[in-house]
Amino acid sequence: MTESAGAVPGAYLDEAQRKDLLGIARRALEGYIGAGKIPPEEGARGTLSAPGAAFVTLTKNGRLRGCIGYTKAVAPLFKVVQECAVAAATEDPRFPPVSQKEIPSLRIEISVLTPLFPIRPEDVEVGRHGLMVAQGGMRGLLLPQVPVEWGWDRETFLDQACVKAGLSPSAWRHGATLRAFTAEVFGDREAAP
């Protein structure tokens, strides 16, 4: 991700693009939960229409309510955000589907991901890297903001990524594959109480 004029350092989306993506995510939620379909988006151009990988995280009263995403850029970024917003609200197996009355109280956070790359455990930086751990047919992913929110050090982050994959916490020391990514993370307004 390269810097662009008027953008946050290290970001490739400017404030207007971030605002557009957050609006697209909220409209997708409202449209799908209210009417059963994602509304079409007109005018998504440039970076937003280029292939992108992203996760959408929904929180309610500061607690996780759903999180789904793509690690590979398989569709235009705005479409990925639409699909992930709806999936986070309706398909995250950890939670019941979001109801229409909950939508105003949801906070939306979008993480736009860089491509995955191999990383050694000693090179993992808490707050900078997200991690995907894989071994056998098991895999798990934690976004870069997760260890910061929980106050984890690097080893705890590696352990917890393994646990997320359904592996033993020490699997990263015993042959699990580690891949990292960075993410541009931004959210919408604080949700209504």
N, C-alpha and C. Protein backbone atom coordinates (compact mmCIF):
# COMPACT_ATOMS: atom_id res chain seq x y z
N MET A 1 0.86 -1.16 0.00
CA MET A 1 0.00 0.00 0.00
C MET A 1 0.90 1.22 0.00
N THR A 2 0.66 2.11 -0.88
CA THR A 2 1.50 3.29 -0.99
C THR A 2 0.77 4.51 -0.48
N GLU A 3 1.54 5.52 -0.11
CA GLU A 3 0.93 6.75 0.37
C GLU A 3 0.38 7.55 -0.79
N SER A 4 -0.71 8.24 -0.54
CA SER A 4 -1.25 9.16 -1.54
C SER A 4 -1.46 10.51 -0.88
N ALA A 5 -1.51 11.54 -1.68
CA ALA A 5 -1.66 12.89 -1.15
C ALA A 5 -2.92 12.99 -0.30
N GLY A 6 -2.78 13.60 0.88
CA GLY A 6 -3.93 13.81 1.74
C GLY A 6 -4.36 12.57 2.51
N ALA A 7 -3.57 11.52 2.46
CA ALA A 7 -3.94 10.28 3.13
C ALA A 7 -3.18 10.14 4.45
N VAL A 8 -3.64 9.24 5.25
CA VAL A 8 -2.95 8.90 6.48
C VAL A 8 -1.62 8.25 6.09
N PRO A 9 -0.49 8.57 6.78
CA PRO A 9 0.78 7.94 6.41
C PRO A 9 0.66 6.42 6.39
N GLY A 10 1.17 5.79 5.32
CA GLY A 10 1.11 4.35 5.15
C GLY A 10 -0.21 3.86 4.58
N ALA A 11 -1.17 4.76 4.40
CA ALA A 11 -2.48 4.37 3.89
C ALA A 11 -2.54 4.53 2.39
N TYR A 12 -3.38 3.75 1.75
CA TYR A 12 -3.56 3.97 0.32
C TYR A 12 -4.97 4.44 0.02
N LEU A 13 -5.84 4.48 1.02
CA LEU A 13 -7.17 5.06 0.86
C LEU A 13 -7.18 6.43 1.52
N ASP A 14 -7.76 7.41 0.83
CA ASP A 14 -7.88 8.71 1.48
C ASP A 14 -9.15 8.73 2.33
N GLU A 15 -9.37 9.82 3.05
CA GLU A 15 -10.53 9.90 3.96
C GLU A 15 -11.85 9.74 3.22
N ALA A 16 -11.95 10.31 2.03
CA ALA A 16 -13.20 10.18 1.26
C ALA A 16 -13.46 8.72 0.88
N GLN A 17 -12.42 8.00 0.47
CA GLN A 17 -12.58 6.59 0.11
C GLN A 17 -12.95 5.74 1.32
N ARG A 18 -12.35 6.06 2.46
CA ARG A 18 -12.70 5.35 3.69
C ARG A 18 -14.17 5.57 4.02
N LYS A 19 -14.59 6.82 3.95
CA LYS A 19 -15.99 7.16 4.23
C LYS A 19 -16.92 6.45 3.25
N ASP A 20 -16.53 6.43 1.98
CA ASP A 20 -17.34 5.72 0.97
C ASP A 20 -17.47 4.23 1.31
N LEU A 21 -16.36 3.58 1.67
CA LEU A 21 -16.42 2.15 2.00
C LEU A 21 -17.28 1.88 3.23
N LEU A 22 -17.17 2.74 4.23
CA LEU A 22 -18.00 2.57 5.43
C LEU A 22 -19.48 2.74 5.09
N GLY A 23 -19.80 3.70 4.23
CA GLY A 23 -21.19 3.88 3.78
C GLY A 23 -21.68 2.68 2.98
N ILE A 24 -20.83 2.15 2.13
CA ILE A 24 -21.17 0.96 1.34
C ILE A 24 -21.47 -0.21 2.28
N ALA A 25 -20.64 -0.39 3.30
CA ALA A 25 -20.85 -1.49 4.25
C ALA A 25 -22.18 -1.32 4.99
N ARG A 26 -22.47 -0.10 5.45
CA ARG A 26 -23.71 0.12 6.21
C ARG A 26 -24.94 -0.06 5.31
N ARG A 27 -24.87 0.45 4.08
CA ARG A 27 -26.00 0.27 3.16
C ARG A 27 -26.23 -1.20 2.84
N ALA A 28 -25.13 -1.97 2.70
CA ALA A 28 -25.26 -3.40 2.43
C ALA A 28 -25.96 -4.10 3.60
N LEU A 29 -25.56 -3.75 4.82
CA LEU A 29 -26.21 -4.32 6.01
C LEU A 29 -27.70 -3.99 6.04
N GLU A 30 -28.00 -2.70 5.89
CA GLU A 30 -29.39 -2.24 5.96
C GLU A 30 -30.23 -2.88 4.85
N GLY A 31 -29.68 -2.92 3.64
CA GLY A 31 -30.42 -3.47 2.51
C GLY A 31 -30.66 -4.96 2.63
N TYR A 32 -29.62 -5.68 3.05
CA TYR A 32 -29.76 -7.13 3.12
C TYR A 32 -30.66 -7.55 4.28
N ILE A 33 -30.44 -6.96 5.43
CA ILE A 33 -31.23 -7.36 6.60
C ILE A 33 -32.66 -6.82 6.49
N GLY A 34 -32.82 -5.65 5.88
CA GLY A 34 -34.16 -5.07 5.75
C GLY A 34 -34.96 -5.62 4.59
N ALA A 35 -34.32 -5.83 3.43
CA ALA A 35 -35.06 -6.22 2.23
C ALA A 35 -34.56 -7.52 1.59
N GLY A 36 -33.54 -8.14 2.16
CA GLY A 36 -33.06 -9.41 1.63
C GLY A 36 -32.14 -9.30 0.44
N LYS A 37 -31.67 -8.09 0.12
CA LYS A 37 -30.71 -7.97 -0.99
C LYS A 37 -29.76 -6.81 -0.77
N ILE A 38 -28.57 -6.98 -1.31
CA ILE A 38 -27.55 -5.93 -1.22
C ILE A 38 -27.84 -4.91 -2.31
N PRO A 39 -27.95 -3.63 -1.93
CA PRO A 39 -28.24 -2.62 -2.96
C PRO A 39 -27.05 -2.42 -3.90
N PRO A 40 -27.33 -2.11 -5.17
CA PRO A 40 -26.23 -1.84 -6.10
C PRO A 40 -25.52 -0.54 -5.71
N GLU A 41 -24.25 -0.50 -5.96
CA GLU A 41 -23.47 0.71 -5.68
C GLU A 41 -23.01 1.32 -7.00
N GLU A 42 -23.39 2.53 -7.21
CA GLU A 42 -22.97 3.26 -8.41
C GLU A 42 -21.81 4.18 -8.05
N GLY A 43 -20.89 4.33 -8.94
CA GLY A 43 -19.83 5.32 -8.77
C GLY A 43 -18.60 4.85 -8.01
N ALA A 44 -18.50 3.59 -7.65
CA ALA A 44 -17.28 3.10 -7.00
C ALA A 44 -16.22 2.97 -8.09
N ARG A 45 -15.23 3.83 -8.04
CA ARG A 45 -14.19 3.86 -9.08
C ARG A 45 -12.81 3.80 -8.47
N GLY A 46 -11.84 3.72 -9.33
CA GLY A 46 -10.44 3.77 -8.90
C GLY A 46 -10.11 2.65 -7.95
N THR A 47 -9.49 3.00 -6.84
CA THR A 47 -9.05 2.02 -5.85
C THR A 47 -10.19 1.16 -5.35
N LEU A 48 -11.38 1.72 -5.19
CA LEU A 48 -12.51 0.96 -4.65
C LEU A 48 -13.03 -0.09 -5.62
N SER A 49 -12.78 0.09 -6.90
CA SER A 49 -13.23 -0.90 -7.88
C SER A 49 -12.11 -1.87 -8.28
N ALA A 50 -10.91 -1.64 -7.77
CA ALA A 50 -9.80 -2.57 -8.01
C ALA A 50 -9.93 -3.77 -7.07
N PRO A 51 -9.40 -4.92 -7.46
CA PRO A 51 -9.46 -6.08 -6.56
C PRO A 51 -8.83 -5.76 -5.21
N GLY A 52 -9.48 -6.23 -4.15
CA GLY A 52 -8.98 -5.98 -2.80
C GLY A 52 -9.37 -7.09 -1.85
N ALA A 53 -8.62 -7.20 -0.77
CA ALA A 53 -8.90 -8.16 0.31
C ALA A 53 -9.23 -7.35 1.56
N ALA A 54 -10.26 -7.77 2.28
CA ALA A 54 -10.68 -7.01 3.46
C ALA A 54 -11.46 -7.87 4.43
N PHE A 55 -11.50 -7.42 5.66
CA PHE A 55 -12.36 -7.98 6.70
C PHE A 55 -13.28 -6.87 7.18
N VAL A 56 -14.50 -7.24 7.54
CA VAL A 56 -15.42 -6.30 8.17
C VAL A 56 -15.73 -6.86 9.56
N THR A 57 -15.54 -5.99 10.55
CA THR A 57 -15.79 -6.35 11.95
C THR A 57 -16.96 -5.51 12.44
N LEU A 58 -17.93 -6.16 13.05
CA LEU A 58 -19.07 -5.47 13.65
C LEU A 58 -18.96 -5.58 15.17
N THR A 59 -19.16 -4.45 15.85
CA THR A 59 -19.19 -4.47 17.30
C THR A 59 -20.46 -3.78 17.78
N LYS A 60 -20.91 -4.21 18.95
CA LYS A 60 -22.09 -3.62 19.58
C LYS A 60 -21.74 -3.38 21.04
N ASN A 61 -21.86 -2.15 21.47
CA ASN A 61 -21.50 -1.79 22.85
C ASN A 61 -20.07 -2.23 23.18
N GLY A 62 -19.17 -2.08 22.21
CA GLY A 62 -17.77 -2.41 22.41
C GLY A 62 -17.44 -3.89 22.38
N ARG A 63 -18.42 -4.73 22.09
CA ARG A 63 -18.20 -6.18 22.04
C ARG A 63 -18.36 -6.70 20.62
N LEU A 64 -17.54 -7.68 20.28
CA LEU A 64 -17.59 -8.27 18.95
C LEU A 64 -18.99 -8.82 18.67
N ARG A 65 -19.50 -8.52 17.47
CA ARG A 65 -20.82 -9.02 17.05
C ARG A 65 -20.72 -9.84 15.77
N GLY A 66 -19.57 -9.77 15.09
CA GLY A 66 -19.35 -10.54 13.88
C GLY A 66 -18.10 -10.05 13.16
N CYS A 67 -17.41 -10.97 12.49
CA CYS A 67 -16.22 -10.59 11.73
C CYS A 67 -15.99 -11.64 10.66
N ILE A 68 -15.96 -11.20 9.41
CA ILE A 68 -15.75 -12.08 8.26
C ILE A 68 -14.90 -11.33 7.24
N GLY A 69 -14.08 -12.06 6.49
CA GLY A 69 -13.30 -11.38 5.47
C GLY A 69 -12.66 -12.32 4.48
N TYR A 70 -11.96 -11.70 3.54
CA TYR A 70 -11.22 -12.40 2.49
C TYR A 70 -9.75 -12.02 2.61
N THR A 71 -8.88 -13.02 2.52
CA THR A 71 -7.44 -12.75 2.55
C THR A 71 -6.85 -12.57 1.16
N LYS A 72 -7.62 -12.89 0.14
CA LYS A 72 -7.14 -12.74 -1.23
C LYS A 72 -8.03 -11.74 -1.97
N ALA A 73 -7.42 -10.98 -2.85
CA ALA A 73 -8.13 -9.99 -3.65
C ALA A 73 -8.82 -10.68 -4.81
N VAL A 74 -10.04 -11.14 -4.59
CA VAL A 74 -10.76 -11.92 -5.60
C VAL A 74 -11.87 -11.13 -6.29
N ALA A 75 -12.17 -9.93 -5.80
CA ALA A 75 -13.26 -9.12 -6.36
C ALA A 75 -12.94 -7.65 -6.09
N PRO A 76 -13.66 -6.73 -6.74
CA PRO A 76 -13.46 -5.31 -6.44
C PRO A 76 -13.63 -5.05 -4.94
N LEU A 77 -12.80 -4.18 -4.40
CA LEU A 77 -12.79 -3.91 -2.96
C LEU A 77 -14.18 -3.54 -2.43
N PHE A 78 -14.92 -2.71 -3.15
CA PHE A 78 -16.23 -2.31 -2.64
C PHE A 78 -17.18 -3.51 -2.55
N LYS A 79 -17.08 -4.46 -3.49
CA LYS A 79 -17.92 -5.66 -3.44
C LYS A 79 -17.50 -6.58 -2.29
N VAL A 80 -16.21 -6.69 -2.07
CA VAL A 80 -15.71 -7.48 -0.94
C VAL A 80 -16.26 -6.91 0.36
N VAL A 81 -16.24 -5.60 0.50
CA VAL A 81 -16.74 -4.96 1.71
C VAL A 81 -18.25 -5.21 1.87
N GLN A 82 -18.99 -5.10 0.78
CA GLN A 82 -20.43 -5.40 0.84
C GLN A 82 -20.67 -6.83 1.34
N GLU A 83 -20.02 -7.79 0.69
CA GLU A 83 -20.22 -9.20 1.02
C GLU A 83 -19.77 -9.51 2.44
N CYS A 84 -18.66 -8.94 2.86
CA CYS A 84 -18.15 -9.22 4.21
C CYS A 84 -19.03 -8.59 5.28
N ALA A 85 -19.57 -7.41 5.01
CA ALA A 85 -20.47 -6.76 5.98
C ALA A 85 -21.69 -7.63 6.21
N VAL A 86 -22.29 -8.12 5.12
CA VAL A 86 -23.48 -8.97 5.23
C VAL A 86 -23.11 -10.29 5.90
N ALA A 87 -22.00 -10.89 5.51
CA ALA A 87 -21.59 -12.17 6.10
C ALA A 87 -21.27 -12.03 7.59
N ALA A 88 -20.63 -10.93 7.98
CA ALA A 88 -20.32 -10.70 9.40
C ALA A 88 -21.61 -10.62 10.21
N ALA A 89 -22.66 -10.05 9.60
CA ALA A 89 -23.94 -9.89 10.29
C ALA A 89 -24.79 -11.15 10.28
N THR A 90 -24.58 -12.02 9.29
CA THR A 90 -25.51 -13.14 9.14
C THR A 90 -24.86 -14.53 9.16
N GLU A 91 -23.54 -14.63 8.97
CA GLU A 91 -22.92 -15.94 8.81
C GLU A 91 -21.82 -16.28 9.81
N ASP A 92 -21.45 -15.34 10.69
CA ASP A 92 -20.41 -15.65 11.66
C ASP A 92 -20.98 -16.70 12.62
N PRO A 93 -20.41 -17.92 12.64
CA PRO A 93 -21.01 -19.00 13.43
C PRO A 93 -20.97 -18.76 14.94
N ARG A 94 -20.22 -17.78 15.38
CA ARG A 94 -20.13 -17.51 16.82
C ARG A 94 -21.33 -16.74 17.36
N PHE A 95 -22.15 -16.17 16.44
CA PHE A 95 -23.23 -15.28 16.86
C PHE A 95 -24.52 -15.56 16.11
N PRO A 96 -25.66 -15.24 16.71
CA PRO A 96 -26.91 -15.31 15.95
C PRO A 96 -26.92 -14.18 14.92
N PRO A 97 -27.72 -14.29 13.85
CA PRO A 97 -27.78 -13.21 12.87
C PRO A 97 -28.21 -11.88 13.50
N VAL A 98 -27.67 -10.81 12.97
CA VAL A 98 -28.03 -9.45 13.41
C VAL A 98 -29.48 -9.17 13.03
N SER A 99 -30.20 -8.55 13.92
CA SER A 99 -31.59 -8.17 13.63
C SER A 99 -31.62 -6.75 13.09
N GLN A 100 -32.72 -6.40 12.45
CA GLN A 100 -32.84 -5.06 11.88
C GLN A 100 -32.75 -3.99 12.96
N LYS A 101 -33.30 -4.25 14.13
CA LYS A 101 -33.28 -3.23 15.18
C LYS A 101 -31.88 -3.02 15.75
N GLU A 102 -30.98 -3.99 15.55
CA GLU A 102 -29.60 -3.85 16.03
C GLU A 102 -28.74 -2.95 15.13
N ILE A 103 -29.09 -2.82 13.88
CA ILE A 103 -28.22 -2.14 12.91
C ILE A 103 -27.77 -0.75 13.38
N PRO A 104 -28.67 0.11 13.89
CA PRO A 104 -28.19 1.43 14.32
C PRO A 104 -27.16 1.39 15.44
N SER A 105 -27.14 0.32 16.23
CA SER A 105 -26.21 0.24 17.35
C SER A 105 -24.90 -0.44 16.98
N LEU A 106 -24.74 -0.84 15.73
CA LEU A 106 -23.51 -1.52 15.31
C LEU A 106 -22.46 -0.51 14.87
N ARG A 107 -21.24 -0.75 15.29
CA ARG A 107 -20.09 0.00 14.79
C ARG A 107 -19.41 -0.88 13.75
N ILE A 108 -19.06 -0.29 12.62
CA ILE A 108 -18.41 -1.02 11.53
C ILE A 108 -16.94 -0.65 11.48
N GLU A 109 -16.08 -1.67 11.42
CA GLU A 109 -14.65 -1.46 11.24
C GLU A 109 -14.22 -2.27 10.03
N ILE A 110 -13.47 -1.64 9.16
CA ILE A 110 -12.97 -2.29 7.94
C ILE A 110 -11.45 -2.39 8.03
N SER A 111 -10.94 -3.57 7.69
CA SER A 111 -9.50 -3.79 7.62
C SER A 111 -9.19 -4.19 6.17
N VAL A 112 -8.48 -3.32 5.46
CA VAL A 112 -8.08 -3.61 4.08
C VAL A 112 -6.68 -4.23 4.16
N LEU A 113 -6.56 -5.46 3.66
CA LEU A 113 -5.35 -6.25 3.84
C LEU A 113 -4.38 -6.17 2.67
N THR A 114 -3.10 -6.25 3.00
CA THR A 114 -2.07 -6.46 2.00
C THR A 114 -2.03 -7.95 1.69
N PRO A 115 -1.36 -8.35 0.63
CA PRO A 115 -1.20 -9.79 0.38
C PRO A 115 -0.44 -10.47 1.53
N LEU A 116 -0.72 -11.74 1.75
CA LEU A 116 -0.01 -12.53 2.77
C LEU A 116 1.42 -12.78 2.33
N PHE A 117 2.33 -12.84 3.30
CA PHE A 117 3.73 -13.15 3.00
C PHE A 117 4.29 -14.00 4.14
N PRO A 118 5.25 -14.89 3.82
CA PRO A 118 5.85 -15.72 4.87
C PRO A 118 6.58 -14.84 5.89
N ILE A 119 6.54 -15.28 7.15
CA ILE A 119 7.23 -14.52 8.20
C ILE A 119 7.78 -15.49 9.24
N ARG A 120 8.93 -15.14 9.81
CA ARG A 120 9.51 -15.92 10.90
C ARG A 120 8.92 -15.40 12.22
N PRO A 121 8.77 -16.25 13.21
CA PRO A 121 8.18 -15.81 14.48
C PRO A 121 8.87 -14.59 15.08
N GLU A 122 10.19 -14.56 15.00
CA GLU A 122 10.93 -13.44 15.60
C GLU A 122 10.73 -12.12 14.86
N ASP A 123 10.18 -12.16 13.65
CA ASP A 123 9.95 -10.94 12.88
C ASP A 123 8.53 -10.38 13.04
N VAL A 124 7.66 -11.11 13.73
CA VAL A 124 6.28 -10.65 13.93
C VAL A 124 6.29 -9.43 14.85
N GLU A 125 5.61 -8.36 14.42
CA GLU A 125 5.50 -7.14 15.21
C GLU A 125 4.05 -6.95 15.64
N VAL A 126 3.85 -6.94 16.96
CA VAL A 126 2.51 -6.70 17.50
C VAL A 126 2.06 -5.29 17.10
N GLY A 127 0.83 -5.19 16.60
CA GLY A 127 0.29 -3.91 16.18
C GLY A 127 0.55 -3.59 14.72
N ARG A 128 1.50 -4.26 14.12
CA ARG A 128 1.80 -4.05 12.70
C ARG A 128 1.30 -5.21 11.85
N HIS A 129 1.57 -6.43 12.30
CA HIS A 129 1.24 -7.61 11.52
C HIS A 129 -0.04 -8.28 11.98
N GLY A 130 -0.81 -8.77 11.02
CA GLY A 130 -1.84 -9.76 11.26
C GLY A 130 -1.20 -11.10 10.95
N LEU A 131 -1.78 -12.17 11.47
CA LEU A 131 -1.18 -13.49 11.27
C LEU A 131 -2.18 -14.51 10.77
N MET A 132 -1.71 -15.37 9.87
CA MET A 132 -2.43 -16.58 9.51
C MET A 132 -1.51 -17.74 9.84
N VAL A 133 -2.02 -18.66 10.64
CA VAL A 133 -1.29 -19.86 11.02
C VAL A 133 -1.99 -21.05 10.37
N ALA A 134 -1.21 -21.96 9.80
CA ALA A 134 -1.80 -23.15 9.17
C ALA A 134 -0.93 -24.37 9.46
N GLN A 135 -1.61 -25.49 9.66
CA GLN A 135 -0.92 -26.77 9.81
C GLN A 135 -1.93 -27.86 9.50
N GLY A 136 -1.53 -28.78 8.64
CA GLY A 136 -2.49 -29.79 8.20
C GLY A 136 -3.64 -29.07 7.50
N GLY A 137 -4.85 -29.43 7.80
CA GLY A 137 -6.00 -28.75 7.21
C GLY A 137 -6.55 -27.64 8.09
N MET A 138 -5.85 -27.30 9.16
CA MET A 138 -6.32 -26.29 10.11
C MET A 138 -5.66 -24.95 9.80
N ARG A 139 -6.44 -23.88 9.96
CA ARG A 139 -5.84 -22.56 9.83
C ARG A 139 -6.66 -21.54 10.61
N GLY A 140 -5.99 -20.50 11.05
CA GLY A 140 -6.65 -19.45 11.80
C GLY A 140 -6.00 -18.12 11.50
N LEU A 141 -6.77 -17.05 11.64
CA LEU A 141 -6.29 -15.73 11.30
C LEU A 141 -6.68 -14.76 12.41
N LEU A 142 -5.73 -13.89 12.76
CA LEU A 142 -6.01 -12.80 13.69
C LEU A 142 -5.55 -11.50 13.03
N LEU A 143 -6.42 -10.50 13.06
CA LEU A 143 -6.10 -9.18 12.50
C LEU A 143 -5.07 -8.47 13.38
N PRO A 144 -4.33 -7.49 12.83
CA PRO A 144 -3.26 -6.83 13.59
C PRO A 144 -3.75 -6.08 14.83
N GLN A 145 -5.00 -5.65 14.84
CA GLN A 145 -5.50 -4.90 15.99
C GLN A 145 -5.84 -5.79 17.19
N VAL A 146 -6.00 -7.10 16.96
CA VAL A 146 -6.42 -8.01 18.04
C VAL A 146 -5.41 -8.07 19.18
N PRO A 147 -4.10 -8.31 18.92
CA PRO A 147 -3.18 -8.39 20.06
C PRO A 147 -3.05 -7.06 20.81
N VAL A 148 -3.23 -5.97 20.11
CA VAL A 148 -3.17 -4.65 20.76
C VAL A 148 -4.36 -4.50 21.71
N GLU A 149 -5.55 -4.87 21.23
CA GLU A 149 -6.76 -4.75 22.05
C GLU A 149 -6.67 -5.62 23.30
N TRP A 150 -6.00 -6.77 23.20
CA TRP A 150 -5.90 -7.69 24.33
C TRP A 150 -4.61 -7.51 25.14
N GLY A 151 -3.72 -6.64 24.69
CA GLY A 151 -2.47 -6.40 25.42
C GLY A 151 -1.49 -7.56 25.36
N TRP A 152 -1.48 -8.32 24.23
CA TRP A 152 -0.62 -9.48 24.09
C TRP A 152 0.78 -9.08 23.65
N ASP A 153 1.76 -9.84 24.10
CA ASP A 153 3.10 -9.72 23.54
C ASP A 153 3.19 -10.64 22.32
N ARG A 154 4.36 -10.66 21.68
CA ARG A 154 4.50 -11.43 20.44
C ARG A 154 4.23 -12.93 20.65
N GLU A 155 4.78 -13.51 21.70
CA GLU A 155 4.58 -14.95 21.91
C GLU A 155 3.12 -15.29 22.17
N THR A 156 2.44 -14.46 22.94
CA THR A 156 1.02 -14.69 23.21
C THR A 156 0.23 -14.56 21.92
N PHE A 157 0.58 -13.59 21.09
CA PHE A 157 -0.09 -13.41 19.79
C PHE A 157 0.09 -14.67 18.94
N LEU A 158 1.30 -15.20 18.86
CA LEU A 158 1.57 -16.42 18.10
C LEU A 158 0.78 -17.60 18.68
N ASP A 159 0.79 -17.72 20.01
CA ASP A 159 0.03 -18.79 20.66
C ASP A 159 -1.46 -18.68 20.32
N GLN A 160 -2.02 -17.48 20.44
CA GLN A 160 -3.45 -17.29 20.23
C GLN A 160 -3.84 -17.49 18.76
N ALA A 161 -2.95 -17.16 17.84
CA ALA A 161 -3.23 -17.43 16.42
C ALA A 161 -3.33 -18.93 16.19
N CYS A 162 -2.48 -19.69 16.89
CA CYS A 162 -2.54 -21.16 16.78
C CYS A 162 -3.85 -21.68 17.38
N VAL A 163 -4.24 -21.15 18.52
CA VAL A 163 -5.50 -21.56 19.16
C VAL A 163 -6.67 -21.26 18.23
N LYS A 164 -6.64 -20.10 17.59
CA LYS A 164 -7.71 -19.73 16.65
C LYS A 164 -7.80 -20.75 15.51
N ALA A 165 -6.66 -21.33 15.15
CA ALA A 165 -6.63 -22.35 14.09
C ALA A 165 -7.06 -23.73 14.58
N GLY A 166 -7.31 -23.85 15.89
CA GLY A 166 -7.67 -25.16 16.44
C GLY A 166 -6.45 -26.02 16.72
N LEU A 167 -5.29 -25.39 16.79
CA LEU A 167 -4.03 -26.09 17.04
C LEU A 167 -3.60 -25.87 18.49
N SER A 168 -2.58 -26.59 18.92
CA SER A 168 -2.03 -26.33 20.25
C SER A 168 -1.35 -24.96 20.21
N PRO A 169 -1.31 -24.26 21.35
CA PRO A 169 -0.70 -22.92 21.36
C PRO A 169 0.74 -22.88 20.85
N SER A 170 1.46 -23.98 21.03
CA SER A 170 2.87 -23.98 20.63
C SER A 170 3.10 -24.48 19.20
N ALA A 171 2.06 -24.66 18.43
CA ALA A 171 2.22 -25.20 17.07
C ALA A 171 3.16 -24.35 16.22
N TRP A 172 3.24 -23.06 16.48
CA TRP A 172 4.14 -22.19 15.71
C TRP A 172 5.60 -22.57 15.94
N ARG A 173 5.88 -23.24 17.03
CA ARG A 173 7.26 -23.70 17.33
C ARG A 173 7.53 -25.07 16.71
N HIS A 174 6.46 -25.73 16.23
CA HIS A 174 6.58 -27.12 15.79
C HIS A 174 6.03 -27.35 14.39
N GLY A 175 6.43 -26.49 13.46
CA GLY A 175 6.13 -26.76 12.06
C GLY A 175 4.93 -26.07 11.44
N ALA A 176 4.14 -25.34 12.23
CA ALA A 176 3.02 -24.61 11.63
C ALA A 176 3.57 -23.53 10.70
N THR A 177 2.86 -23.28 9.62
CA THR A 177 3.24 -22.25 8.66
C THR A 177 2.71 -20.90 9.14
N LEU A 178 3.57 -19.90 9.13
CA LEU A 178 3.17 -18.55 9.52
C LEU A 178 3.21 -17.64 8.30
N ARG A 179 2.12 -16.94 8.08
CA ARG A 179 2.10 -15.90 7.05
C ARG A 179 1.53 -14.65 7.70
N ALA A 180 2.05 -13.52 7.29
CA ALA A 180 1.65 -12.25 7.88
C ALA A 180 1.07 -11.34 6.82
N PHE A 181 0.46 -10.26 7.28
CA PHE A 181 -0.04 -9.21 6.42
C PHE A 181 -0.14 -7.96 7.27
N THR A 182 -0.26 -6.83 6.62
CA THR A 182 -0.58 -5.60 7.33
C THR A 182 -1.97 -5.18 6.87
N ALA A 183 -2.55 -4.25 7.58
CA ALA A 183 -3.90 -3.83 7.24
C ALA A 183 -4.08 -2.35 7.52
N GLU A 184 -4.86 -1.73 6.66
CA GLU A 184 -5.31 -0.36 6.88
C GLU A 184 -6.66 -0.49 7.58
N VAL A 185 -6.73 -0.05 8.82
CA VAL A 185 -7.92 -0.27 9.66
C VAL A 185 -8.59 1.05 9.96
N PHE A 186 -9.91 1.10 9.75
CA PHE A 186 -10.67 2.32 10.04
C PHE A 186 -12.11 1.94 10.34
N GLY A 187 -12.78 2.81 11.10
CA GLY A 187 -14.15 2.52 11.48
C GLY A 187 -15.05 3.73 11.35
N ASP A 188 -16.35 3.46 11.48
CA ASP A 188 -17.31 4.55 11.37
C ASP A 188 -17.54 5.17 12.75
N ARG A 189 -18.48 6.07 12.78
CA ARG A 189 -18.83 6.78 14.01
C ARG A 189 -19.10 5.79 15.13
N GLU A 190 -19.06 6.28 16.33
CA GLU A 190 -19.50 5.44 17.43
C GLU A 190 -20.98 5.18 17.23
N ALA A 191 -21.38 3.96 17.44
CA ALA A 191 -22.77 3.57 17.21
C ALA A 191 -23.68 4.16 18.29
N ALA A 192 -24.95 4.30 17.95
CA ALA A 192 -25.93 4.80 18.89
C ALA A 192 -26.12 3.79 20.02
N PRO A 193 -26.35 4.25 21.26
CA PRO A 193 -26.53 3.31 22.37
C PRO A 193 -27.81 2.50 22.21
